[in-house]
Amino acid sequence: DWMRNMVSKLLAERRTKPVQREDQLQSLLNLKTKTELTEEMIAGHSLAFFTEGFETSSTTLGFLIYNLAANPDVQQKLYEEIKAAMEANNDTLSYDVMQQIDYLDWTLQESLRINPPLASMTKLCTKNYSLKREINGQLVGTWIKAGTPVLIPMLAIHMDAKYYPEPQKFRPERFCPEEKAARG
């Protein structure tokens, strides 16, 4: 009942205030326009996201706290950014205010890069795909057929100096728009 009541309250608020947020509830509301979801179904999905994401969320927060403790300069800068955002918003730290703190987002992304909750994940290839690369001056190709499971080694990619110079160093600025654009 608690989750259903909370979702009902949030849905009523979203209906009266035409604000679009980039959150899980908004994703479910957008999905509702394609396939009719009842309020009870949305509450059920919300409860599943809440309970199933608990362990990865706590692991993520644990590593974030560790990384901030191990990098006092980053911790201080983040503190100053949060303090400035709160001062600009009547000493309020709401969801909307937190969304405006770019350095908070960069810090979380950097913590997830160094300590992802999962080292790899498997996705299904959705269409036939030609993978080509050069080996000893020759172009070699292979096909990945639709429906083939593909392992994505996230931790290996996150620690590759080709994409993230000094990959062991905790540096949130690597997620600023300029550095992300340079990475492609």
C-alpha atoms as a PDB file:
ATOM      1  CA  ASP A   1       0.000   0.000   0.000  1.00  0.00           C
ATOM      2  CA  TRP A   2       2.847   2.395   0.797  1.00  0.00           C
ATOM      3  CA  MET A   3       4.283   2.181  -2.736  1.00  0.00           C
ATOM      4  CA  ARG A   4       0.840   2.419  -4.358  1.00  0.00           C
ATOM      5  CA  ASN A   5      -0.020   5.510  -2.265  1.00  0.00           C
ATOM      6  CA  MET A   6       3.299   7.159  -3.045  1.00  0.00           C
ATOM      7  CA  VAL A   7       2.951   6.458  -6.783  1.00  0.00           C
ATOM      8  CA  SER A   8      -0.647   7.769  -6.741  1.00  0.00           C
ATOM      9  CA  LYS A   9       0.526  10.969  -5.075  1.00  0.00           C
ATOM     10  CA  LEU A  10       3.412  11.411  -7.536  1.00  0.00           C
ATOM     11  CA  LEU A  11       1.185  10.683 -10.540  1.00  0.00           C
ATOM     12  CA  ALA A  12      -1.369  13.250  -9.332  1.00  0.00           C
ATOM     13  CA  GLU A  13       1.432  15.785  -8.922  1.00  0.00           C
ATOM     14  CA  ARG A  14       2.768  15.057 -12.419  1.00  0.00           C
ATOM     15  CA  ARG A  15      -0.722  15.512 -13.878  1.00  0.00           C
ATOM     16  CA  THR A  16      -1.206  18.926 -12.227  1.00  0.00           C
ATOM     17  CA  LYS A  17       2.312  20.216 -12.912  1.00  0.00           C
ATOM     18  CA  PRO A  18       3.401  19.651 -16.515  1.00  0.00           C
ATOM     19  CA  VAL A  19       7.054  19.035 -15.597  1.00  0.00           C
ATOM     20  CA  GLN A  20       8.995  16.344 -17.439  1.00  0.00           C
ATOM     21  CA  ARG A  21      11.772  14.790 -15.365  1.00  0.00           C
ATOM     22  CA  GLU A  22      14.347  12.282 -16.480  1.00  0.00           C
ATOM     23  CA  ASP A  23      13.535   9.628 -13.890  1.00  0.00           C
ATOM     24  CA  GLN A  24      12.097   6.136 -13.669  1.00  0.00           C
ATOM     25  CA  LEU A  25       8.535   7.335 -13.092  1.00  0.00           C
ATOM     26  CA  GLN A  26       8.686   9.503 -16.214  1.00  0.00           C
ATOM     27  CA  SER A  27       9.958   6.508 -18.200  1.00  0.00           C
ATOM     28  CA  LEU A  28       6.960   4.509 -17.013  1.00  0.00           C
ATOM     29  CA  LEU A  29       4.607   7.383 -17.856  1.00  0.00           C
ATOM     30  CA  ASN A  30       6.093   7.621 -21.344  1.00  0.00           C
ATOM     31  CA  LEU A  31       5.681   3.875 -21.718  1.00  0.00           C
ATOM     32  CA  LYS A  32       2.048   4.271 -20.654  1.00  0.00           C
ATOM     33  CA  THR A  33       1.329   6.173 -23.867  1.00  0.00           C
ATOM     34  CA  LYS A  34       2.474   3.189 -25.962  1.00  0.00           C
ATOM     35  CA  THR A  35       1.036   0.343 -23.907  1.00  0.00           C
ATOM     36  CA  GLU A  36      -1.723   1.065 -21.436  1.00  0.00           C
ATOM     37  CA  LEU A  37      -0.379   0.663 -17.906  1.00  0.00           C
ATOM     38  CA  THR A  38      -2.683   1.033 -14.960  1.00  0.00           C
ATOM     39  CA  GLU A  39      -1.670   2.982 -11.871  1.00  0.00           C
ATOM     40  CA  GLU A  40      -1.375  -0.331 -10.025  1.00  0.00           C
ATOM     41  CA  MET A  41       0.974  -1.699 -12.699  1.00  0.00           C
ATOM     42  CA  ILE A  42       3.129   1.437 -12.440  1.00  0.00           C
ATOM     43  CA  ALA A  43       3.251   0.975  -8.653  1.00  0.00           C
ATOM     44  CA  GLY A  44       4.296  -2.659  -9.165  1.00  0.00           C
ATOM     45  CA  HIS A  45       7.075  -1.694 -11.568  1.00  0.00           C
ATOM     46  CA  SER A  46       8.196   1.038  -9.174  1.00  0.00           C
ATOM     47  CA  LEU A  47       8.373  -1.430  -6.300  1.00  0.00           C
ATOM     48  CA  ALA A  48      10.389  -3.837  -8.460  1.00  0.00           C
ATOM     49  CA  PHE A  49      12.861  -1.080  -9.422  1.00  0.00           C
ATOM     50  CA  PHE A  50      13.132  -0.058  -5.771  1.00  0.00           C
ATOM     51  CA  THR A  51      13.715  -3.546  -4.345  1.00  0.00           C
ATOM     52  CA  GLU A  52      15.765  -5.022  -7.188  1.00  0.00           C
ATOM     53  CA  GLY A  53      18.028  -1.995  -7.384  1.00  0.00           C
ATOM     54  CA  PHE A  54      18.736  -1.881  -3.653  1.00  0.00           C
ATOM     55  CA  GLU A  55      21.990  -3.854  -3.673  1.00  0.00           C
ATOM     56  CA  THR A  56      23.515  -2.117  -6.695  1.00  0.00           C
ATOM     57  CA  SER A  57      22.433   1.266  -5.311  1.00  0.00           C
ATOM     58  CA  SER A  58      23.999   0.612  -1.913  1.00  0.00           C
ATOM     59  CA  THR A  59      27.187  -0.673  -3.572  1.00  0.00           C
ATOM     60  CA  THR A  60      27.312   2.426  -5.779  1.00  0.00           C
ATOM     61  CA  LEU A  61      26.839   4.757  -2.803  1.00  0.00           C
ATOM     62  CA  GLY A  62      29.423   2.843  -0.775  1.00  0.00           C
ATOM     63  CA  PHE A  63      32.033   3.235  -3.504  1.00  0.00           C
ATOM     64  CA  LEU A  64      31.093   6.895  -3.987  1.00  0.00           C
ATOM     65  CA  ILE A  65      31.669   7.572  -0.285  1.00  0.00           C
ATOM     66  CA  TYR A  66      34.967   5.669  -0.423  1.00  0.00           C
ATOM     67  CA  ASN A  67      36.135   7.589  -3.501  1.00  0.00           C
ATOM     68  CA  LEU A  68      35.228  10.917  -1.900  1.00  0.00           C
ATOM     69  CA  ALA A  69      37.078   9.968   1.303  1.00  0.00           C
ATOM     70  CA  ALA A  70      40.130   8.882  -0.712  1.00  0.00           C
ATOM     71  CA  ASN A  71      40.081  12.120  -2.745  1.00  0.00           C
ATOM     72  CA  PRO A  72      39.595  15.031  -0.323  1.00  0.00           C
ATOM     73  CA  ASP A  73      40.109  17.612  -3.088  1.00  0.00           C
ATOM     74  CA  VAL A  74      37.133  16.176  -5.002  1.00  0.00           C
ATOM     75  CA  GLN A  75      35.136  15.956  -1.768  1.00  0.00           C
ATOM     76  CA  GLN A  76      35.814  19.629  -1.018  1.00  0.00           C
ATOM     77  CA  LYS A  77      34.903  20.772  -4.531  1.00  0.00           C
ATOM     78  CA  LEU A  78      31.674  18.752  -4.438  1.00  0.00           C
ATOM     79  CA  TYR A  79      30.827  20.178  -1.016  1.00  0.00           C
ATOM     80  CA  GLU A  80      31.311  23.717  -2.343  1.00  0.00           C
ATOM     81  CA  GLU A  81      29.171  23.011  -5.431  1.00  0.00           C
ATOM     82  CA  ILE A  82      26.348  21.563  -3.313  1.00  0.00           C
ATOM     83  CA  LYS A  83      26.583  24.422  -0.814  1.00  0.00           C
ATOM     84  CA  ALA A  84      26.425  27.028  -3.624  1.00  0.00           C
ATOM     85  CA  ALA A  85      23.410  25.289  -5.200  1.00  0.00           C
ATOM     86  CA  MET A  86      21.608  25.207  -1.863  1.00  0.00           C
ATOM     87  CA  GLU A  87      22.362  28.878  -1.150  1.00  0.00           C
ATOM     88  CA  ALA A  88      20.964  29.782  -4.573  1.00  0.00           C
ATOM     89  CA  ASN A  89      17.775  27.848  -3.758  1.00  0.00           C
ATOM     90  CA  ASN A  90      16.812  29.038  -0.251  1.00  0.00           C
ATOM     91  CA  ASP A  91      18.932  26.352   1.466  1.00  0.00           C
ATOM     92  CA  THR A  92      16.905  23.634  -0.258  1.00  0.00           C
ATOM     93  CA  LEU A  93      18.411  20.472  -1.705  1.00  0.00           C
ATOM     94  CA  SER A  94      15.570  19.018  -3.758  1.00  0.00           C
ATOM     95  CA  TYR A  95      15.719  16.593  -6.665  1.00  0.00           C
ATOM     96  CA  ASP A  96      15.496  19.523  -9.097  1.00  0.00           C
ATOM     97  CA  VAL A  97      18.352  21.368  -7.369  1.00  0.00           C
ATOM     98  CA  MET A  98      20.521  18.234  -7.410  1.00  0.00           C
ATOM     99  CA  GLN A  99      19.892  17.872 -11.155  1.00  0.00           C
ATOM    100  CA  GLN A 100      21.543  21.283 -11.631  1.00  0.00           C
ATOM    101  CA  ILE A 101      24.825  20.304  -9.918  1.00  0.00           C
ATOM    102  CA  ASP A 102      26.949  19.093 -12.830  1.00  0.00           C
ATOM    103  CA  TYR A 103      29.928  18.212 -10.631  1.00  0.00           C
ATOM    104  CA  LEU A 104      27.727  15.863  -8.582  1.00  0.00           C
ATOM    105  CA  ASP A 105      26.767  14.006 -11.766  1.00  0.00           C
ATOM    106  CA  TRP A 106      30.389  13.873 -12.950  1.00  0.00           C
ATOM    107  CA  THR A 107      31.544  12.569  -9.554  1.00  0.00           C
ATOM    108  CA  LEU A 108      28.945   9.806  -9.563  1.00  0.00           C
ATOM    109  CA  GLN A 109      29.798   8.854 -13.160  1.00  0.00           C
ATOM    110  CA  GLU A 110      33.505   8.718 -12.324  1.00  0.00           C
ATOM    111  CA  SER A 111      32.814   6.529  -9.293  1.00  0.00           C
ATOM    112  CA  LEU A 112      30.712   4.207 -11.474  1.00  0.00           C
ATOM    113  CA  ARG A 113      33.504   4.138 -14.075  1.00  0.00           C
ATOM    114  CA  ILE A 114      36.108   3.003 -11.560  1.00  0.00           C
ATOM    115  CA  ASN A 115      33.794   0.769  -9.507  1.00  0.00           C
ATOM    116  CA  PRO A 116      30.879  -0.383 -11.676  1.00  0.00           C
ATOM    117  CA  PRO A 117      28.306  -2.548  -9.864  1.00  0.00           C
ATOM    118  CA  LEU A 118      28.814  -5.107 -12.649  1.00  0.00           C
ATOM    119  CA  ALA A 119      32.168  -5.761 -14.350  1.00  0.00           C
ATOM    120  CA  SER A 120      30.417  -6.865 -17.534  1.00  0.00           C
ATOM    121  CA  MET A 121      26.963  -7.308 -18.976  1.00  0.00           C
ATOM    122  CA  THR A 122      25.426  -9.350 -21.743  1.00  0.00           C
ATOM    123  CA  LYS A 123      23.168  -7.872 -24.405  1.00  0.00           C
ATOM    124  CA  LEU A 124      21.458  -9.529 -27.343  1.00  0.00           C
ATOM    125  CA  CYS A 125      22.419  -8.282 -30.778  1.00  0.00           C
ATOM    126  CA  THR A 126      19.171  -6.961 -32.285  1.00  0.00           C
ATOM    127  CA  LYS A 127      20.198  -7.011 -35.947  1.00  0.00           C
ATOM    128  CA  ASN A 128      22.920  -8.579 -38.061  1.00  0.00           C
ATOM    129  CA  TYR A 129      26.115  -6.581 -37.639  1.00  0.00           C
ATOM    130  CA  SER A 130      29.404  -6.590 -39.521  1.00  0.00           C
ATOM    131  CA  LEU A 131      32.415  -6.101 -37.264  1.00  0.00           C
ATOM    132  CA  LYS A 132      35.555  -5.129 -39.160  1.00  0.00           C
ATOM    133  CA  ARG A 133      39.051  -4.414 -37.905  1.00  0.00           C
ATOM    134  CA  GLU A 134      42.545  -4.170 -39.281  1.00  0.00           C
ATOM    135  CA  ILE A 135      45.040  -6.892 -38.363  1.00  0.00           C
ATOM    136  CA  ASN A 136      48.592  -6.692 -39.751  1.00  0.00           C
ATOM    137  CA  GLY A 137      47.486  -4.296 -42.460  1.00  0.00           C
ATOM    138  CA  GLN A 138      44.582  -6.461 -43.628  1.00  0.00           C
ATOM    139  CA  LEU A 139      40.909  -5.741 -43.089  1.00  0.00           C
ATOM    140  CA  VAL A 140      39.327  -8.702 -41.331  1.00  0.00           C
ATOM    141  CA  GLY A 141      35.614  -8.981 -40.688  1.00  0.00           C
ATOM    142  CA  THR A 142      33.148 -11.132 -38.876  1.00  0.00           C
ATOM    143  CA  TRP A 143      29.376 -11.171 -38.588  1.00  0.00           C
ATOM    144  CA  ILE A 144      27.363 -11.059 -35.419  1.00  0.00           C
ATOM    145  CA  LYS A 145      23.938 -12.500 -36.117  1.00  0.00           C
ATOM    146  CA  ALA A 146      20.767 -11.037 -34.632  1.00  0.00           C
ATOM    147  CA  GLY A 147      19.912 -12.823 -31.393  1.00  0.00           C
ATOM    148  CA  THR A 148      23.551 -13.562 -30.517  1.00  0.00           C
ATOM    149  CA  PRO A 149      24.494 -12.742 -26.903  1.00  0.00           C
ATOM    150  CA  VAL A 150      27.322 -10.185 -26.790  1.00  0.00           C
ATOM    151  CA  LEU A 151      29.429  -9.746 -23.645  1.00  0.00           C
ATOM    152  CA  ILE A 152      30.330  -6.111 -22.939  1.00  0.00           C
ATOM    153  CA  PRO A 153      33.417  -5.915 -20.672  1.00  0.00           C
ATOM    154  CA  MET A 154      32.539  -2.595 -19.007  1.00  0.00           C
ATOM    155  CA  LEU A 155      35.341  -2.619 -16.434  1.00  0.00           C
ATOM    156  CA  ALA A 156      37.943  -3.338 -19.130  1.00  0.00           C
ATOM    157  CA  ILE A 157      36.619  -0.455 -21.244  1.00  0.00           C
ATOM    158  CA  HIS A 158      36.468   1.865 -18.229  1.00  0.00           C
ATOM    159  CA  MET A 159      40.099   1.105 -17.376  1.00  0.00           C
ATOM    160  CA  ASP A 160      41.431   1.432 -20.932  1.00  0.00           C
ATOM    161  CA  ALA A 161      43.872   4.382 -21.118  1.00  0.00           C
ATOM    162  CA  LYS A 162      42.886   4.847 -24.771  1.00  0.00           C
ATOM    163  CA  TYR A 163      39.480   6.079 -23.614  1.00  0.00           C
ATOM    164  CA  TYR A 164      40.308   7.323 -20.111  1.00  0.00           C
ATOM    165  CA  PRO A 165      43.878   8.628 -19.665  1.00  0.00           C
ATOM    166  CA  GLU A 166      45.252   7.722 -16.229  1.00  0.00           C
ATOM    167  CA  PRO A 167      42.333   5.330 -15.690  1.00  0.00           C
ATOM    168  CA  GLN A 168      43.220   4.565 -12.046  1.00  0.00           C
ATOM    169  CA  LYS A 169      43.015   8.254 -11.120  1.00  0.00           C
ATOM    170  CA  PHE A 170      39.680   9.512  -9.747  1.00  0.00           C
ATOM    171  CA  ARG A 171      38.979  12.609 -11.846  1.00  0.00           C
ATOM    172  CA  PRO A 172      35.296  13.634 -12.243  1.00  0.00           C
ATOM    173  CA  GLU A 173      36.173  16.322 -14.813  1.00  0.00           C
ATOM    174  CA  ARG A 174      36.598  13.581 -17.419  1.00  0.00           C
ATOM    175  CA  PHE A 175      32.766  13.622 -17.600  1.00  0.00           C
ATOM    176  CA  CYS A 176      32.446  17.333 -18.377  1.00  0.00           C
ATOM    177  CA  PRO A 177      30.876  18.006 -21.807  1.00  0.00           C
ATOM    178  CA  GLU A 178      34.195  18.949 -23.440  1.00  0.00           C
ATOM    179  CA  GLU A 179      35.994  15.763 -22.392  1.00  0.00           C
ATOM    180  CA  LYS A 180      33.010  13.573 -23.230  1.00  0.00           C
ATOM    181  CA  ALA A 181      32.851  15.154 -26.698  1.00  0.00           C
ATOM    182  CA  ALA A 182      36.587  14.591 -27.215  1.00  0.00           C
ATOM    183  CA  ARG A 183      36.119  10.903 -26.315  1.00  0.00           C
ATOM    184  CA  GLY A 184      33.326  10.610 -28.863  1.00  0.00           C
END
